[in-house]
């Protein structure tokens, strides 16, 4: 006599689980990799380095650049000579960032404001990274950088990007450890 009119499957439940597992892995392979979140950055710098800082900001906006962050630093100086008012405005900017990038030029080490911004960033639990305007270790850094063992990197996009990410992750890990 002839065979049955229905179909028969020789798959066992374990086979189905294996096939599902293989299918899940293939789907995962096709998903785009998780992008690193864009970090909010406060840029601390001495005013005489403004042109270089603006170039740095522009490079972060360039689609072909590895550098990618949201710049929350001050663009226009506060129109005040009241130091407490200025500090309050700077604190607000720092509070909205995860990392402070200190742009280190020839005379940055002389700036009391940059030194204060570094210390205030640390006090507020922010990651801090220093970027030398030139790959020249003889350029002095502010005392707050050396006293707090802050990483200093040359102006190279990949190194800056990695340092910002590392500082942000370290900050997040510190917050988790402190229960914040």
N, C-alpha and C. Protein backbone atom coordinates (compact mmCIF):
# COMPACT_ATOMS: atom_id res chain seq x y z
N UNK A 1 0.82 -1.17 0.00
CA UNK A 1 0.00 0.00 0.00
C UNK A 1 0.87 1.24 0.00
N UNK A 2 0.25 2.36 -0.34
CA UNK A 2 0.99 3.60 -0.46
C UNK A 2 1.31 4.23 0.88
N UNK A 3 2.07 5.27 0.83
CA UNK A 3 2.48 5.98 2.04
C UNK A 3 1.38 6.91 2.53
N UNK A 4 1.65 7.53 3.60
CA UNK A 4 0.65 8.43 4.18
C UNK A 4 0.63 9.75 3.42
N UNK A 5 -0.49 10.43 3.51
CA UNK A 5 -0.63 11.69 2.79
C UNK A 5 -0.06 12.86 3.57
N UNK A 6 0.23 12.69 4.84
CA UNK A 6 0.75 13.79 5.66
C UNK A 6 2.27 13.86 5.61
N UNK A 7 2.81 14.89 6.18
CA UNK A 7 4.27 14.99 6.23
C UNK A 7 4.74 14.53 7.60
N UNK A 8 5.90 14.10 7.62
CA UNK A 8 6.47 13.62 8.87
C UNK A 8 7.75 14.37 9.13
N UNK A 9 7.98 14.73 10.35
CA UNK A 9 9.21 15.42 10.70
C UNK A 9 10.05 14.53 11.57
N UNK A 10 11.31 14.49 11.25
CA UNK A 10 12.20 13.67 12.06
C UNK A 10 12.94 14.52 13.08
N UNK A 11 12.58 15.82 13.19
CA UNK A 11 13.25 16.70 14.15
C UNK A 11 12.81 16.37 15.57
N UNK A 12 13.75 16.39 16.45
CA UNK A 12 13.50 16.21 17.86
C UNK A 12 13.52 17.58 18.53
N UNK A 13 12.94 17.73 19.73
CA UNK A 13 12.94 19.05 20.40
C UNK A 13 14.34 19.65 20.53
N UNK A 14 15.36 18.84 20.78
CA UNK A 14 16.72 19.37 20.90
C UNK A 14 17.21 19.96 19.58
N UNK A 15 16.80 19.34 18.46
CA UNK A 15 17.19 19.85 17.15
C UNK A 15 16.59 21.23 16.90
N UNK A 16 15.35 21.42 17.30
CA UNK A 16 14.68 22.70 17.12
C UNK A 16 15.40 23.78 17.94
N UNK A 17 15.77 23.45 19.18
CA UNK A 17 16.49 24.40 20.02
C UNK A 17 17.83 24.78 19.39
N UNK A 18 18.51 23.80 18.82
CA UNK A 18 19.79 24.08 18.16
C UNK A 18 19.60 25.00 16.97
N UNK A 19 18.57 24.73 16.16
CA UNK A 19 18.30 25.57 14.99
C UNK A 19 17.95 27.00 15.42
N UNK A 20 17.13 27.12 16.49
CA UNK A 20 16.79 28.45 16.98
C UNK A 20 18.03 29.19 17.46
N UNK A 21 18.92 28.48 18.11
CA UNK A 21 20.15 29.09 18.61
C UNK A 21 21.00 29.58 17.44
N UNK A 22 21.11 28.76 16.41
CA UNK A 22 21.88 29.15 15.21
C UNK A 22 21.25 30.38 14.57
N UNK A 23 19.91 30.38 14.46
CA UNK A 23 19.21 31.51 13.86
C UNK A 23 19.44 32.79 14.66
N UNK A 24 19.38 32.70 16.00
CA UNK A 24 19.61 33.88 16.86
C UNK A 24 21.02 34.44 16.63
N UNK A 25 22.00 33.54 16.54
CA UNK A 25 23.39 34.00 16.34
C UNK A 25 23.53 34.71 14.99
N UNK A 26 22.87 34.20 13.97
CA UNK A 26 22.94 34.83 12.65
C UNK A 26 22.29 36.21 12.67
N UNK A 27 21.17 36.32 13.39
CA UNK A 27 20.50 37.62 13.49
C UNK A 27 21.39 38.61 14.23
N UNK A 28 22.03 38.16 15.32
CA UNK A 28 22.93 39.03 16.08
C UNK A 28 24.09 39.53 15.22
N UNK A 29 24.61 38.63 14.35
CA UNK A 29 25.72 39.03 13.47
C UNK A 29 25.31 40.17 12.56
N UNK A 30 24.06 40.18 12.14
CA UNK A 30 23.60 41.18 11.18
C UNK A 30 23.20 42.49 11.83
N UNK A 31 23.05 42.52 13.16
CA UNK A 31 22.72 43.76 13.85
C UNK A 31 23.93 44.68 13.83
N UNK A 32 23.69 45.98 13.65
CA UNK A 32 24.84 46.90 13.70
C UNK A 32 25.43 46.89 15.11
N UNK A 33 26.75 47.05 15.22
CA UNK A 33 27.36 47.05 16.56
C UNK A 33 26.81 48.20 17.38
N UNK A 34 26.74 47.99 18.69
CA UNK A 34 26.28 49.04 19.59
C UNK A 34 27.23 50.22 19.50
N UNK A 35 26.68 51.37 19.22
CA UNK A 35 27.53 52.56 19.16
C UNK A 35 27.82 53.06 20.56
N UNK A 36 29.01 53.60 20.73
CA UNK A 36 29.36 54.24 21.99
C UNK A 36 28.53 55.51 22.08
N UNK A 37 27.90 55.76 23.22
CA UNK A 37 27.10 56.98 23.32
C UNK A 37 27.98 58.22 23.20
N UNK A 38 27.42 59.25 22.61
CA UNK A 38 28.15 60.52 22.52
C UNK A 38 28.24 61.09 23.92
N UNK A 39 29.41 61.49 24.31
CA UNK A 39 29.64 62.02 25.65
C UNK A 39 29.46 63.53 25.65
N UNK A 40 28.90 64.03 26.73
CA UNK A 40 28.82 65.48 26.93
C UNK A 40 30.14 65.92 27.54
N UNK A 41 30.75 66.92 26.92
CA UNK A 41 32.10 67.35 27.32
C UNK A 41 32.10 68.83 27.64
N UNK A 42 32.76 69.17 28.73
CA UNK A 42 33.05 70.56 29.07
C UNK A 42 34.52 70.77 28.72
N UNK A 43 34.81 71.76 27.90
CA UNK A 43 36.20 72.03 27.52
C UNK A 43 36.72 73.19 28.37
N UNK A 44 37.77 72.91 29.12
CA UNK A 44 38.42 73.93 29.95
C UNK A 44 39.67 74.40 29.19
N UNK A 45 39.80 75.70 29.04
CA UNK A 45 40.95 76.21 28.29
C UNK A 45 41.22 77.65 28.67
N UNK A 46 42.42 78.09 28.33
CA UNK A 46 42.78 79.49 28.54
C UNK A 46 42.34 80.26 27.30
N UNK A 47 41.83 81.46 27.49
CA UNK A 47 41.24 82.23 26.41
C UNK A 47 42.17 82.41 25.21
N UNK A 48 43.46 82.51 25.43
CA UNK A 48 44.38 82.72 24.29
C UNK A 48 44.43 81.51 23.36
N UNK A 49 43.90 80.37 23.80
CA UNK A 49 43.86 79.16 22.96
C UNK A 49 42.52 78.99 22.24
N UNK A 50 41.69 80.03 22.25
CA UNK A 50 40.34 79.93 21.70
C UNK A 50 40.33 79.46 20.25
N UNK A 51 41.23 79.96 19.40
CA UNK A 51 41.22 79.54 17.99
C UNK A 51 41.46 78.04 17.85
N UNK A 52 42.44 77.53 18.62
CA UNK A 52 42.71 76.09 18.56
C UNK A 52 41.55 75.29 19.14
N UNK A 53 40.93 75.79 20.19
CA UNK A 53 39.79 75.11 20.79
C UNK A 53 38.62 75.07 19.80
N UNK A 54 38.40 76.16 19.07
CA UNK A 54 37.34 76.17 18.06
C UNK A 54 37.64 75.18 16.94
N UNK A 55 38.90 75.03 16.57
CA UNK A 55 39.28 74.01 15.60
C UNK A 55 38.98 72.62 16.16
N UNK A 56 39.33 72.40 17.41
CA UNK A 56 39.06 71.14 18.10
C UNK A 56 37.56 70.84 18.10
N UNK A 57 36.76 71.85 18.43
CA UNK A 57 35.29 71.69 18.41
C UNK A 57 34.80 71.32 17.02
N UNK A 58 35.35 71.99 16.02
CA UNK A 58 34.96 71.72 14.64
C UNK A 58 35.31 70.30 14.21
N UNK A 59 36.46 69.83 14.64
CA UNK A 59 36.86 68.47 14.29
C UNK A 59 35.89 67.44 14.87
N UNK A 60 35.32 67.74 16.03
CA UNK A 60 34.37 66.82 16.66
C UNK A 60 33.05 66.78 15.88
N UNK A 61 32.78 67.82 15.10
CA UNK A 61 31.54 67.86 14.31
C UNK A 61 31.73 67.25 12.92
N UNK A 62 32.98 67.06 12.51
CA UNK A 62 33.27 66.53 11.19
C UNK A 62 32.91 65.05 11.13
N UNK A 63 32.09 64.66 10.17
CA UNK A 63 31.65 63.27 10.06
C UNK A 63 32.80 62.30 9.82
N UNK A 64 33.89 62.77 9.23
CA UNK A 64 35.02 61.89 8.94
C UNK A 64 35.98 61.77 10.12
N UNK A 65 35.67 62.44 11.20
CA UNK A 65 36.54 62.43 12.36
C UNK A 65 36.13 61.33 13.33
N UNK A 66 37.11 60.73 13.99
CA UNK A 66 36.82 59.76 15.04
C UNK A 66 36.33 60.46 16.30
N UNK A 67 36.62 61.73 16.39
CA UNK A 67 36.25 62.53 17.55
C UNK A 67 34.76 62.82 17.49
N UNK A 68 34.03 62.53 18.56
CA UNK A 68 32.60 62.75 18.55
C UNK A 68 32.12 63.00 19.97
N UNK A 69 31.72 64.23 20.24
CA UNK A 69 31.19 64.55 21.56
C UNK A 69 30.24 65.73 21.44
N UNK A 70 29.45 65.92 22.47
CA UNK A 70 28.55 67.06 22.54
C UNK A 70 29.25 68.11 23.40
N UNK A 71 29.52 69.25 22.82
CA UNK A 71 30.26 70.31 23.51
C UNK A 71 29.31 71.14 24.34
N UNK A 72 29.45 71.08 25.64
CA UNK A 72 28.61 71.86 26.55
C UNK A 72 29.41 72.94 27.26
N UNK A 73 30.57 73.28 26.71
CA UNK A 73 31.39 74.28 27.38
C UNK A 73 30.93 75.69 27.02
N UNK A 74 31.54 76.64 27.63
CA UNK A 74 31.17 78.04 27.47
C UNK A 74 31.72 78.57 26.15
N UNK A 75 30.86 79.19 25.39
CA UNK A 75 31.28 79.74 24.10
C UNK A 75 31.56 81.23 24.19
N UNK A 76 30.78 81.91 25.00
CA UNK A 76 30.94 83.35 25.17
C UNK A 76 31.25 83.61 26.64
N UNK A 77 32.32 84.33 26.93
CA UNK A 77 32.65 84.59 28.34
C UNK A 77 31.50 85.28 29.05
N UNK A 78 31.37 84.98 30.33
CA UNK A 78 30.34 85.65 31.13
C UNK A 78 30.65 87.14 31.18
N UNK A 79 29.61 87.94 31.01
CA UNK A 79 29.78 89.38 31.02
C UNK A 79 29.69 89.87 32.47
N UNK A 80 30.70 89.52 33.23
CA UNK A 80 30.69 89.87 34.65
C UNK A 80 32.10 89.80 35.20
N UNK A 81 32.32 90.56 36.25
CA UNK A 81 33.58 90.45 36.97
C UNK A 81 33.35 89.81 38.33
N UNK A 82 32.11 89.40 38.58
CA UNK A 82 31.73 88.76 39.83
C UNK A 82 32.15 87.29 39.76
N UNK A 83 33.20 86.94 40.47
CA UNK A 83 33.77 85.58 40.40
C UNK A 83 32.75 84.52 40.81
N UNK A 84 31.95 84.79 41.84
CA UNK A 84 30.96 83.79 42.29
C UNK A 84 29.90 83.54 41.23
N UNK A 85 29.48 84.59 40.55
CA UNK A 85 28.50 84.46 39.47
C UNK A 85 29.09 83.63 38.33
N UNK A 86 30.33 83.90 37.97
CA UNK A 86 31.00 83.15 36.91
C UNK A 86 31.15 81.68 37.31
N UNK A 87 31.58 81.43 38.53
CA UNK A 87 31.75 80.05 39.01
C UNK A 87 30.42 79.29 38.99
N UNK A 88 29.35 79.96 39.38
CA UNK A 88 28.03 79.32 39.37
C UNK A 88 27.66 78.90 37.94
N UNK A 89 27.92 79.76 36.97
CA UNK A 89 27.62 79.44 35.58
C UNK A 89 28.49 78.30 35.06
N UNK A 90 29.75 78.28 35.45
CA UNK A 90 30.65 77.21 35.03
C UNK A 90 30.24 75.89 35.68
N UNK A 91 29.91 75.92 36.95
CA UNK A 91 29.46 74.69 37.65
C UNK A 91 28.26 74.08 36.95
N UNK A 92 27.33 74.94 36.53
CA UNK A 92 26.14 74.46 35.83
C UNK A 92 26.53 73.72 34.56
N UNK A 93 27.48 74.25 33.81
CA UNK A 93 27.94 73.60 32.58
C UNK A 93 28.64 72.28 32.89
N UNK A 94 29.48 72.28 33.90
CA UNK A 94 30.20 71.06 34.30
C UNK A 94 29.20 69.99 34.74
N UNK A 95 28.18 70.39 35.49
CA UNK A 95 27.18 69.44 35.98
C UNK A 95 26.45 68.72 34.84
N UNK A 96 26.34 69.36 33.70
CA UNK A 96 25.63 68.76 32.57
C UNK A 96 26.54 67.90 31.68
N UNK A 97 27.76 67.67 32.12
CA UNK A 97 28.72 66.89 31.34
C UNK A 97 29.14 65.64 32.09
N UNK A 98 29.72 64.71 31.35
CA UNK A 98 30.29 63.53 32.01
C UNK A 98 31.80 63.64 32.09
N UNK A 99 32.39 64.43 31.20
CA UNK A 99 33.86 64.54 31.14
C UNK A 99 34.26 65.99 30.89
N UNK A 100 35.33 66.40 31.57
CA UNK A 100 35.95 67.70 31.29
C UNK A 100 37.23 67.43 30.51
N UNK A 101 37.36 68.07 29.36
CA UNK A 101 38.58 67.99 28.57
C UNK A 101 39.33 69.28 28.78
N UNK A 102 40.55 69.17 29.27
CA UNK A 102 41.39 70.34 29.51
C UNK A 102 42.29 70.51 28.30
N UNK A 103 42.11 71.60 27.58
CA UNK A 103 42.95 71.88 26.42
C UNK A 103 44.19 72.60 26.92
N UNK A 104 45.35 71.96 26.77
CA UNK A 104 46.59 72.47 27.34
C UNK A 104 47.45 73.12 26.26
N UNK A 105 47.53 74.45 26.34
CA UNK A 105 48.41 75.21 25.46
C UNK A 105 49.65 75.64 26.22
N UNK A 106 50.41 76.53 25.61
CA UNK A 106 51.69 76.98 26.18
C UNK A 106 51.57 77.57 27.58
N UNK A 107 50.50 78.34 27.84
CA UNK A 107 50.41 79.04 29.11
C UNK A 107 49.23 78.59 29.98
N UNK A 108 48.61 77.48 29.62
CA UNK A 108 47.45 77.01 30.37
C UNK A 108 47.79 76.77 31.84
N UNK A 109 49.01 76.31 32.10
CA UNK A 109 49.42 76.02 33.49
C UNK A 109 49.39 77.26 34.38
N UNK A 110 49.35 78.45 33.77
CA UNK A 110 49.33 79.70 34.54
C UNK A 110 47.91 80.14 34.90
N UNK A 111 46.91 79.50 34.32
CA UNK A 111 45.53 79.94 34.50
C UNK A 111 44.91 79.41 35.79
N UNK A 112 44.55 80.33 36.68
CA UNK A 112 43.87 79.94 37.92
C UNK A 112 42.48 79.40 37.61
N UNK A 113 41.84 79.93 36.57
CA UNK A 113 40.49 79.47 36.22
C UNK A 113 40.51 78.03 35.72
N UNK A 114 41.46 77.70 34.86
CA UNK A 114 41.54 76.32 34.36
C UNK A 114 41.80 75.37 35.52
N UNK A 115 42.72 75.74 36.40
CA UNK A 115 43.02 74.90 37.56
C UNK A 115 41.75 74.72 38.41
N UNK A 116 41.01 75.80 38.61
CA UNK A 116 39.76 75.71 39.39
C UNK A 116 38.74 74.79 38.69
N UNK A 117 38.61 74.92 37.36
CA UNK A 117 37.66 74.09 36.61
C UNK A 117 38.00 72.60 36.72
N UNK A 118 39.29 72.29 36.71
CA UNK A 118 39.72 70.89 36.86
C UNK A 118 39.32 70.39 38.24
N UNK A 119 39.66 71.14 39.25
CA UNK A 119 39.35 70.74 40.64
C UNK A 119 37.84 70.64 40.86
N UNK A 120 37.10 71.58 40.29
CA UNK A 120 35.64 71.57 40.44
C UNK A 120 35.04 70.37 39.72
N UNK A 121 35.59 70.02 38.57
CA UNK A 121 35.11 68.84 37.83
C UNK A 121 35.32 67.57 38.65
N UNK A 122 36.49 67.45 39.24
CA UNK A 122 36.79 66.28 40.08
C UNK A 122 35.85 66.25 41.29
N UNK A 123 35.70 67.40 41.93
CA UNK A 123 34.83 67.51 43.11
C UNK A 123 33.40 67.10 42.77
N UNK A 124 32.96 67.38 41.54
CA UNK A 124 31.61 67.09 41.11
C UNK A 124 31.50 65.69 40.49
N UNK A 125 32.59 64.91 40.58
CA UNK A 125 32.56 63.52 40.13
C UNK A 125 32.66 63.32 38.62
N UNK A 126 33.24 64.28 37.93
CA UNK A 126 33.36 64.19 36.48
C UNK A 126 34.71 63.58 36.09
N UNK A 127 34.72 62.85 34.98
CA UNK A 127 35.97 62.37 34.43
C UNK A 127 36.74 63.56 33.87
N UNK A 128 38.05 63.51 33.93
CA UNK A 128 38.87 64.61 33.41
C UNK A 128 39.99 64.04 32.55
N UNK A 129 40.21 64.67 31.40
CA UNK A 129 41.26 64.29 30.46
C UNK A 129 41.95 65.57 30.01
N UNK A 130 43.25 65.52 29.83
CA UNK A 130 43.98 66.68 29.32
C UNK A 130 44.49 66.37 27.91
N UNK A 131 44.36 67.36 27.03
CA UNK A 131 44.82 67.23 25.65
C UNK A 131 45.85 68.32 25.39
N UNK A 132 47.07 67.91 25.03
CA UNK A 132 48.11 68.90 24.71
C UNK A 132 47.88 69.42 23.30
N UNK A 133 48.03 70.71 23.13
CA UNK A 133 47.83 71.32 21.82
C UNK A 133 48.86 70.81 20.81
N UNK A 134 50.03 70.46 21.31
CA UNK A 134 51.08 69.87 20.46
C UNK A 134 51.62 68.65 21.19
N UNK A 135 52.10 67.72 20.43
CA UNK A 135 52.68 66.50 21.02
C UNK A 135 54.07 66.83 21.55
N UNK A 136 54.08 67.64 22.60
CA UNK A 136 55.33 68.13 23.17
C UNK A 136 55.26 68.03 24.69
N UNK A 137 55.92 67.01 25.27
CA UNK A 137 55.84 66.81 26.71
C UNK A 137 56.43 67.96 27.53
N UNK A 138 57.15 68.89 26.89
CA UNK A 138 57.71 70.01 27.64
C UNK A 138 56.65 71.07 27.95
N UNK A 139 55.48 70.99 27.29
CA UNK A 139 54.40 71.93 27.60
C UNK A 139 53.88 71.60 29.00
N UNK A 140 53.98 72.58 29.88
CA UNK A 140 53.56 72.37 31.27
C UNK A 140 52.05 72.25 31.37
N UNK A 141 51.60 71.43 32.33
CA UNK A 141 50.17 71.26 32.58
C UNK A 141 49.82 71.91 33.92
N UNK A 142 48.56 72.27 34.12
CA UNK A 142 48.15 72.84 35.41
C UNK A 142 48.43 71.87 36.56
N UNK A 143 48.69 72.43 37.74
CA UNK A 143 48.99 71.61 38.92
C UNK A 143 47.92 70.58 39.20
N UNK A 144 46.66 70.94 39.02
CA UNK A 144 45.56 70.02 39.32
C UNK A 144 45.65 68.75 38.48
N UNK A 145 46.27 68.82 37.32
CA UNK A 145 46.42 67.63 36.47
C UNK A 145 47.44 66.68 37.07
N UNK A 146 48.60 67.22 37.45
CA UNK A 146 49.64 66.35 38.02
C UNK A 146 49.24 65.86 39.40
N UNK A 147 48.64 66.72 40.21
CA UNK A 147 48.25 66.33 41.57
C UNK A 147 47.19 65.24 41.60
N UNK A 148 46.39 65.14 40.54
CA UNK A 148 45.31 64.17 40.50
C UNK A 148 45.55 63.04 39.49
N UNK A 149 46.80 62.94 39.02
CA UNK A 149 47.17 61.87 38.07
C UNK A 149 46.21 61.78 36.88
N UNK A 150 45.89 62.91 36.30
CA UNK A 150 44.98 62.95 35.16
C UNK A 150 45.74 62.60 33.89
N UNK A 151 45.11 61.79 33.09
CA UNK A 151 45.71 61.34 31.83
C UNK A 151 45.89 62.52 30.88
N UNK A 152 47.08 62.61 30.29
CA UNK A 152 47.40 63.65 29.31
C UNK A 152 47.65 62.95 27.98
N UNK A 153 46.92 63.36 26.95
CA UNK A 153 47.06 62.73 25.63
C UNK A 153 47.41 63.79 24.59
N UNK A 154 48.06 63.36 23.51
CA UNK A 154 48.35 64.32 22.42
C UNK A 154 47.06 64.59 21.62
N UNK A 155 47.11 65.61 20.81
CA UNK A 155 45.96 65.98 19.98
C UNK A 155 45.87 65.03 18.80
N UNK A 156 45.45 63.83 19.08
CA UNK A 156 45.23 62.78 18.07
C UNK A 156 43.85 62.22 18.33
N UNK A 157 43.00 62.27 17.34
CA UNK A 157 41.58 61.95 17.52
C UNK A 157 41.33 60.62 18.22
N UNK A 158 41.96 59.56 17.76
CA UNK A 158 41.70 58.24 18.35
C UNK A 158 42.08 58.22 19.83
N UNK A 159 43.20 58.84 20.18
CA UNK A 159 43.65 58.86 21.58
C UNK A 159 42.70 59.70 22.44
N UNK A 160 42.24 60.82 21.90
CA UNK A 160 41.32 61.67 22.65
C UNK A 160 39.99 60.95 22.85
N UNK A 161 39.49 60.36 21.79
CA UNK A 161 38.22 59.63 21.86
C UNK A 161 38.30 58.53 22.93
N UNK A 162 39.38 57.74 22.89
CA UNK A 162 39.55 56.66 23.86
C UNK A 162 39.67 57.21 25.28
N UNK A 163 40.40 58.31 25.45
CA UNK A 163 40.58 58.90 26.78
C UNK A 163 39.26 59.44 27.33
N UNK A 164 38.45 60.07 26.47
CA UNK A 164 37.14 60.57 26.90
C UNK A 164 36.27 59.41 27.34
N UNK A 165 36.25 58.36 26.54
CA UNK A 165 35.43 57.20 26.87
C UNK A 165 35.89 56.54 28.17
N UNK A 166 37.19 56.41 28.32
CA UNK A 166 37.75 55.81 29.55
C UNK A 166 37.39 56.65 30.78
N UNK A 167 37.52 57.97 30.66
CA UNK A 167 37.20 58.86 31.78
C UNK A 167 35.70 58.78 32.12
N UNK A 168 34.86 58.70 31.09
CA UNK A 168 33.41 58.60 31.33
C UNK A 168 33.05 57.28 32.00
N UNK A 169 33.67 56.20 31.55
CA UNK A 169 33.40 54.88 32.13
C UNK A 169 33.90 54.83 33.57
N UNK A 170 35.10 55.35 33.81
CA UNK A 170 35.63 55.37 35.18
C UNK A 170 34.72 56.17 36.10
N UNK A 171 34.20 57.28 35.60
CA UNK A 171 33.27 58.10 36.37
C UNK A 171 32.01 57.31 36.69
N UNK A 172 31.46 56.62 35.70
CA UNK A 172 30.25 55.83 35.90
C UNK A 172 30.50 54.71 36.89
N UNK A 173 31.66 54.05 36.79
CA UNK A 173 31.99 52.97 37.72
C UNK A 173 32.13 53.50 39.15
N UNK A 174 32.71 54.70 39.30
CA UNK A 174 32.86 55.31 40.63
C UNK A 174 31.48 55.61 41.22
N UNK A 175 30.58 56.13 40.38
CA UNK A 175 29.23 56.43 40.85
C UNK A 175 28.53 55.17 41.32
N UNK A 176 28.68 54.09 40.54
CA UNK A 176 28.04 52.82 40.91
C UNK A 176 28.61 52.28 42.22
N UNK A 177 29.92 52.42 42.39
CA UNK A 177 30.56 51.92 43.61
C UNK A 177 30.12 52.74 44.83
N UNK A 178 29.86 54.03 44.60
CA UNK A 178 29.44 54.90 45.70
C UNK A 178 27.93 54.88 45.93
N UNK A 179 27.22 54.15 45.05
CA UNK A 179 25.77 54.05 45.19
C UNK A 179 25.03 55.29 44.77
N UNK A 180 25.66 56.12 43.92
CA UNK A 180 24.99 57.36 43.48
C UNK A 180 24.02 57.07 42.36
